[in-house]
Protein backbone atom coordinates (compact mmCIF):
# COMPACT_ATOMS: atom_id res chain seq x y z
CA UNK A 1 124.44 74.11 86.05
CA UNK A 2 123.95 76.08 89.41
CA UNK A 3 121.36 78.96 89.60
CA UNK A 4 123.30 82.30 89.24
CA UNK A 5 120.95 83.77 91.72
CA UNK A 6 122.06 81.21 94.48
CA UNK A 7 125.65 81.72 93.50
CA UNK A 8 125.33 85.47 94.06
CA UNK A 9 123.70 84.76 97.37
CA UNK A 10 126.79 82.64 98.46
CA UNK A 11 129.25 85.34 97.13
CA UNK A 12 127.36 87.98 99.08
CA UNK A 13 127.52 85.87 102.35
CA UNK A 14 131.22 85.36 101.78
CA UNK A 15 131.85 89.15 101.40
CA UNK A 16 129.45 90.17 104.20
CA UNK A 17 130.49 87.63 106.66
CA UNK A 18 126.78 86.86 107.66
CA UNK A 19 123.60 85.85 106.11
CA UNK A 20 121.72 88.72 107.66
CA UNK A 21 124.17 91.46 106.33
CA UNK A 22 124.10 89.80 102.89
CA UNK A 23 120.36 89.59 102.72
CA UNK A 24 120.30 93.40 103.51
CA UNK A 25 122.76 94.07 100.86
CA UNK A 26 120.70 91.99 98.20
CA UNK A 27 117.24 93.28 99.28
CA UNK A 28 116.10 89.92 100.56
CA UNK A 29 114.74 88.71 103.97
CA UNK A 30 116.99 86.67 105.91
CA UNK A 31 114.72 83.65 105.71
CA UNK A 32 114.51 83.96 101.98
CA UNK A 33 118.30 84.17 101.46
CA UNK A 34 118.74 81.20 103.86
CA UNK A 35 116.40 79.15 101.63
CA UNK A 36 118.34 80.03 98.52
CA UNK A 37 121.48 79.04 100.21
CA UNK A 38 120.00 75.73 101.38
CA UNK A 39 118.83 74.87 97.82
CA UNK A 40 122.41 75.57 96.60
CA UNK A 41 123.83 73.14 99.25
CA UNK A 42 121.25 70.55 97.98
CA UNK A 43 122.37 71.06 94.43
CA UNK A 44 126.07 70.66 95.28
CA UNK A 45 125.51 67.73 97.65
CA UNK A 46 127.73 69.26 100.36
CA UNK A 47 127.78 71.84 103.05
CA UNK A 48 128.97 75.30 101.93
CA UNK A 49 128.54 77.36 105.05
CA UNK A 50 128.99 76.90 108.81
CA UNK A 51 126.53 78.97 110.66
CA UNK A 52 127.51 80.30 114.13
CA UNK A 53 126.36 82.98 116.44
CA UNK A 54 128.58 85.73 114.89
CA UNK A 55 127.57 84.96 111.37
CA UNK A 56 128.65 82.42 108.73
CA UNK A 57 131.98 81.11 107.31
CA UNK A 58 132.67 79.18 104.18
CA UNK A 59 133.63 75.51 104.33
CA UNK A 60 136.36 74.27 102.07
CA UNK A 61 133.71 73.48 99.41
CA UNK A 62 132.19 76.74 99.94
CA UNK A 63 135.50 78.77 99.26
CA UNK A 64 136.08 76.67 96.09
CA UNK A 65 132.67 77.34 94.83
CA UNK A 66 132.80 81.08 95.57
CA UNK A 67 136.00 81.46 93.51
CA UNK A 68 134.27 79.81 90.51
CA UNK A 69 131.04 81.66 91.12
CA UNK A 70 132.82 85.13 91.01
CA UNK A 71 134.10 84.14 87.56
CA UNK A 72 130.78 83.01 86.47
CA UNK A 73 129.10 86.08 87.68
CA UNK A 74 131.49 88.43 86.14
CA UNK A 75 131.03 86.76 82.72
CA UNK A 76 127.23 87.06 83.09
CA UNK A 77 127.62 90.78 84.08
CA UNK A 78 129.74 91.32 80.91
CA UNK A 79 127.03 89.48 78.88
CA UNK A 80 124.28 91.73 80.39
CA UNK A 81 126.15 94.86 79.45
CA UNK A 82 126.67 93.76 76.01
CA UNK A 83 123.02 92.77 75.53
CA UNK A 84 121.99 96.05 77.26
CA UNK A 85 123.82 97.79 74.44
CA UNK A 86 122.00 95.95 71.74
CA UNK A 87 118.55 96.30 73.46
CA UNK A 88 118.63 99.98 74.48
CA UNK A 89 119.14 99.28 78.20
CA UNK A 90 122.51 100.90 78.61
CA UNK A 91 120.84 104.13 79.80
CA UNK A 92 117.41 105.87 80.19
CA UNK A 93 115.03 105.85 82.88
CA UNK A 94 112.47 103.49 84.36
CA UNK A 95 109.69 105.22 86.20
CA UNK A 96 107.75 103.19 88.71
CA UNK A 97 104.58 103.63 90.65
CA UNK A 98 103.61 101.41 93.50
CA UNK A 99 101.20 101.25 96.45
CA UNK A 100 102.56 100.91 99.89
CA UNK A 101 102.37 97.15 100.55
CA UNK A 102 104.01 96.30 97.27
CA UNK A 103 106.55 99.10 97.49
CA UNK A 104 107.74 97.70 100.84
CA UNK A 105 107.68 93.96 100.30
CA UNK A 106 107.77 93.32 96.54
CA UNK A 107 109.73 96.11 94.76
CA UNK A 108 113.05 96.00 96.78
CA UNK A 109 114.24 92.63 95.68
CA UNK A 110 112.98 93.03 92.23
CA UNK A 111 114.56 96.45 91.77
CA UNK A 112 117.91 95.06 93.42
CA UNK A 113 117.91 92.34 90.69
CA UNK A 114 116.99 94.87 87.86
CA UNK A 115 119.82 97.17 89.05
CA UNK A 116 122.23 94.15 88.96
CA UNK A 117 121.24 93.43 85.39
CA UNK A 118 120.90 97.03 84.11
CA UNK A 119 123.00 99.36 86.24
CA UNK A 120 122.91 102.19 83.82
CA UNK A 121 119.09 102.53 83.81
CA UNK A 122 118.20 105.45 86.13
CA UNK A 123 115.17 104.50 88.62
CA UNK A 124 112.56 106.46 89.98
CA UNK A 125 109.85 105.22 92.32
CA UNK A 126 106.63 107.09 93.35
CA UNK A 127 103.97 106.23 95.76
CA UNK A 128 100.42 106.07 94.27
CA UNK A 129 97.13 104.60 95.21
CA UNK A 130 96.33 101.90 92.80
CA UNK A 131 93.72 103.76 90.74
CA UNK A 132 95.89 106.93 90.60
CA UNK A 133 98.82 104.82 89.43
CA UNK A 134 96.93 103.41 86.61
CA UNK A 135 95.92 106.92 85.67
CA UNK A 136 99.40 108.05 85.78
CA UNK A 137 100.62 105.19 83.45
CA UNK A 138 97.80 106.26 80.92
CA UNK A 139 98.95 109.93 81.16
CA UNK A 140 102.57 108.94 80.44
CA UNK A 141 103.84 110.24 83.86
CA UNK A 142 105.23 106.85 84.65
CA UNK A 143 106.26 103.74 82.73
CA UNK A 144 104.73 100.98 85.06
CA UNK A 145 102.46 100.86 88.22
CA UNK A 146 101.81 98.10 90.50
CA UNK A 147 98.06 98.00 91.34
CA UNK A 148 95.67 95.66 92.90
CA UNK A 149 92.14 94.29 92.81
CA UNK A 150 90.09 92.40 95.52
CA UNK A 151 87.88 89.41 95.13
CA UNK A 152 84.83 89.69 95.59
CA UNK A 153 84.79 93.05 94.07
CA UNK A 154 83.68 95.10 90.99
CA UNK A 155 86.50 95.25 88.45
CA UNK A 156 87.82 98.78 87.81
CA UNK A 157 87.63 99.99 84.29
CA UNK A 158 90.96 100.60 82.58
CA UNK A 159 91.88 103.39 80.40
CA UNK A 160 92.03 102.28 76.72
CA UNK A 161 95.77 102.71 76.54
CA UNK A 162 96.51 100.60 79.59
CA UNK A 163 96.85 96.86 80.05
CA UNK A 164 97.64 94.88 83.19
CA UNK A 165 99.49 91.64 83.81
CA UNK A 166 98.99 89.71 86.91
CA UNK A 167 102.06 88.80 89.00
CA UNK A 168 100.65 87.69 92.25
CA UNK A 169 97.43 86.21 93.78
CA UNK A 170 97.33 86.13 97.51
CA UNK A 171 94.54 85.03 100.01
CA UNK A 172 93.01 87.37 102.56
CA UNK A 173 93.47 86.07 106.10
CA UNK A 174 92.18 86.85 109.70
CA UNK A 175 94.40 88.78 112.13
CA UNK A 176 93.77 89.47 115.68
CA UNK A 177 95.52 90.15 118.97
CA UNK A 178 97.99 87.34 119.70
CA UNK A 179 96.29 84.48 121.57
CA UNK A 180 92.72 85.29 120.33
CA UNK A 181 90.58 82.25 120.17
CA UNK A 182 89.72 82.77 116.50
CA UNK A 183 93.34 82.66 115.37
CA UNK A 184 94.48 79.96 117.80
CA UNK A 185 93.24 77.07 115.56
CA UNK A 186 95.26 75.22 112.94
CA UNK A 187 92.53 74.49 110.51
CA UNK A 188 90.82 77.11 108.11
CA UNK A 189 88.28 79.22 109.83
CA UNK A 190 84.74 79.33 108.52
CA UNK A 191 83.58 82.72 107.67
CA UNK A 192 80.55 82.14 109.81
CA UNK A 193 82.67 82.08 112.93
CA UNK A 194 83.12 85.81 112.48
CA UNK A 195 79.42 86.38 113.40
CA UNK A 196 79.13 88.90 116.33
CA UNK A 197 82.95 89.71 116.12
CA UNK A 198 83.96 93.18 116.50
CA UNK A 199 85.60 93.94 113.03
CA UNK A 200 88.04 96.62 112.14
CA UNK A 201 86.60 97.68 108.89
CA UNK A 202 88.74 98.80 105.93
CA UNK A 203 87.01 101.90 104.28
CA UNK A 204 83.67 99.93 103.20
CA UNK A 205 82.98 102.70 100.66
CA UNK A 206 86.27 102.24 98.85
CA UNK A 207 85.67 100.26 95.57
CA UNK A 208 88.56 98.01 96.01
CA UNK A 209 87.18 96.83 99.47
CA UNK A 210 83.62 97.03 98.90
CA UNK A 211 82.87 93.43 98.05
CA UNK A 212 85.10 92.14 100.81
CA UNK A 213 83.42 94.17 103.38
CA UNK A 214 79.92 93.12 102.04
CA UNK A 215 81.07 89.38 102.46
CA UNK A 216 82.16 90.02 106.11
CA UNK A 217 78.86 91.97 106.89
CA UNK A 218 76.85 89.07 105.49
CA UNK A 219 78.85 86.68 107.76
CA UNK A 220 77.70 88.71 110.64
CA UNK A 221 80.92 90.48 111.73
CA UNK A 222 80.04 93.69 113.51
CA UNK A 223 81.96 96.93 112.47
CA UNK A 224 83.82 98.15 115.56
CA UNK A 225 86.41 100.54 114.27
CA UNK A 226 86.40 102.16 110.83
CA UNK A 227 89.76 102.94 109.27
CA UNK A 228 88.46 105.40 106.62
CA UNK A 229 91.91 105.66 104.80
CA UNK A 230 93.08 102.18 103.78
CA UNK A 231 96.33 101.54 105.80
CA UNK A 232 97.25 98.17 106.79
CA UNK A 233 99.86 99.10 109.21
CA UNK A 234 97.24 100.76 111.26
CA UNK A 235 94.70 98.03 110.93
CA UNK A 236 97.25 95.45 112.17
CA UNK A 237 98.25 97.60 114.98
CA UNK A 238 94.64 98.10 116.10
CA UNK A 239 94.08 94.29 115.70
CA UNK A 240 97.16 93.67 117.78
CA UNK A 241 95.84 95.92 120.62
CA UNK A 242 92.60 93.89 120.76
CA UNK A 243 90.24 96.47 119.32
CA UNK A 244 88.82 93.79 116.94
CA UNK A 245 89.73 91.34 114.23
CA UNK A 246 90.62 92.30 110.58
CA UNK A 247 90.80 90.63 107.29
CA UNK A 248 93.91 91.57 105.36
CA UNK A 249 96.18 90.15 102.69
CA UNK A 250 98.32 87.23 103.63
CA UNK A 251 101.55 89.37 102.79
CA UNK A 252 100.37 92.17 105.15
CA UNK A 253 99.71 89.64 108.03
CA UNK A 254 103.02 87.80 107.52
CA UNK A 255 105.06 91.11 107.66
CA UNK A 256 103.18 92.99 110.28
CA UNK A 257 105.30 95.17 112.48
CA UNK A 258 102.79 94.62 115.24
CA UNK A 259 102.41 91.09 116.74
CA UNK A 260 99.16 89.47 115.47
CA UNK A 261 97.63 85.97 115.45
CA UNK A 262 96.88 84.86 112.01
CA UNK A 263 94.49 82.32 110.56
CA UNK A 264 93.51 81.30 107.00
CA UNK A 265 89.79 81.43 106.12
CA UNK A 266 87.79 78.67 104.78
CA UNK A 267 87.39 78.56 101.14
CA UNK A 268 90.05 80.81 100.16
CA UNK A 269 87.76 82.89 98.02
CA UNK A 270 88.77 86.20 99.60
CA UNK A 271 91.65 87.25 97.53
CA UNK A 272 93.92 90.13 96.45
CA UNK A 273 95.46 90.26 93.02
CA UNK A 274 98.59 92.17 92.45
CA UNK A 275 99.25 93.35 88.81
CA UNK A 276 101.55 95.45 86.89
CA UNK A 277 99.81 98.11 84.69
CA UNK A 278 101.60 99.37 81.49
CA UNK A 279 100.90 101.20 78.17
CA UNK A 280 99.84 98.45 75.86
CA UNK A 281 100.59 99.97 72.47
CA UNK A 282 104.05 101.34 73.58
CA UNK A 283 107.23 99.41 74.09
CA UNK A 284 110.13 100.64 76.24
CA UNK A 285 113.04 98.30 76.77
CA UNK A 286 113.45 99.07 80.49
CA UNK A 287 109.78 98.67 81.24
CA UNK A 288 109.62 95.47 79.22
CA UNK A 289 112.66 94.01 80.97
CA UNK A 290 111.31 94.84 84.33
CA UNK A 291 107.86 93.20 83.56
CA UNK A 292 109.74 90.03 82.47
CA UNK A 293 111.69 90.09 85.61
CA UNK A 294 108.57 90.24 87.61
CA UNK A 295 106.98 87.60 85.41
CA UNK A 296 109.98 85.23 86.18
CA UNK A 297 110.11 86.08 89.91
CA UNK A 298 106.46 85.35 90.46
CA UNK A 299 105.82 82.76 87.68
CA UNK A 300 103.17 84.97 86.19
CA UNK A 301 100.67 84.67 88.87
CA UNK A 302 101.12 82.50 91.99
CA UNK A 303 97.97 80.58 92.83
CA UNK A 304 96.41 80.97 96.31
CA UNK A 305 96.76 78.22 98.84
CA UNK A 306 94.30 75.26 98.81
């Protein structure tokens, strides 16, 4: 049985005429969608697409599979609608809170999948700093909030009515101007190599970053520029301009708009955990369905690289 997500990807490429346009339609990055299509080709044992400079076209096998895939996806959509009526997901609202990084890089594909499964649920998304998002969940202003915590760091107390579920664990990595000697190596960089290096410091008085900043100070990094309001787009831009090095989540480094050099750090013990906050004693079908979707997408909590 072929994965419905990959079948939907193939249908999207057939309709859009290119992998890039299909990725935009589905809310994926182009490389991520290409990986799904490559896996589908491995599953079928044959080429399904011919890539060319103008886009992509279906092979004969691809055309045959798209016809069958549309039927399968239509049946799945009908099943989702029928199940939605039974589980209370044929209407209502899902109110989400998110911090900027997760809102840009994690939520769009998840919300796209949720909308396909539950098209009648109204979605609202609001921007919150993590602690404010958790407070909004406790107050009943939103149903779910994406939040984060750093290691090392002091755990933030949760309101009694709120629980959190981990969805993603990522390492912090070093970013610098392209070609910088510290990010030119292929092996993991010992933290001691930061001794004497000018550091773009991320709000050392902010509870979420306090432990990380202390570890960098202990390693001998010298604060050069202070970004008092945490904002990774600005941090990466400053690092790219050669004003210092910075330690940021891997997701931030990988998707930086500014060109940066990137290198993993030895030990892998500087981390950021992204979680979903929800009211523990209340059950809302839409919120439960979205949490289940995130859990399936990220396999509960991805482990950091070793």
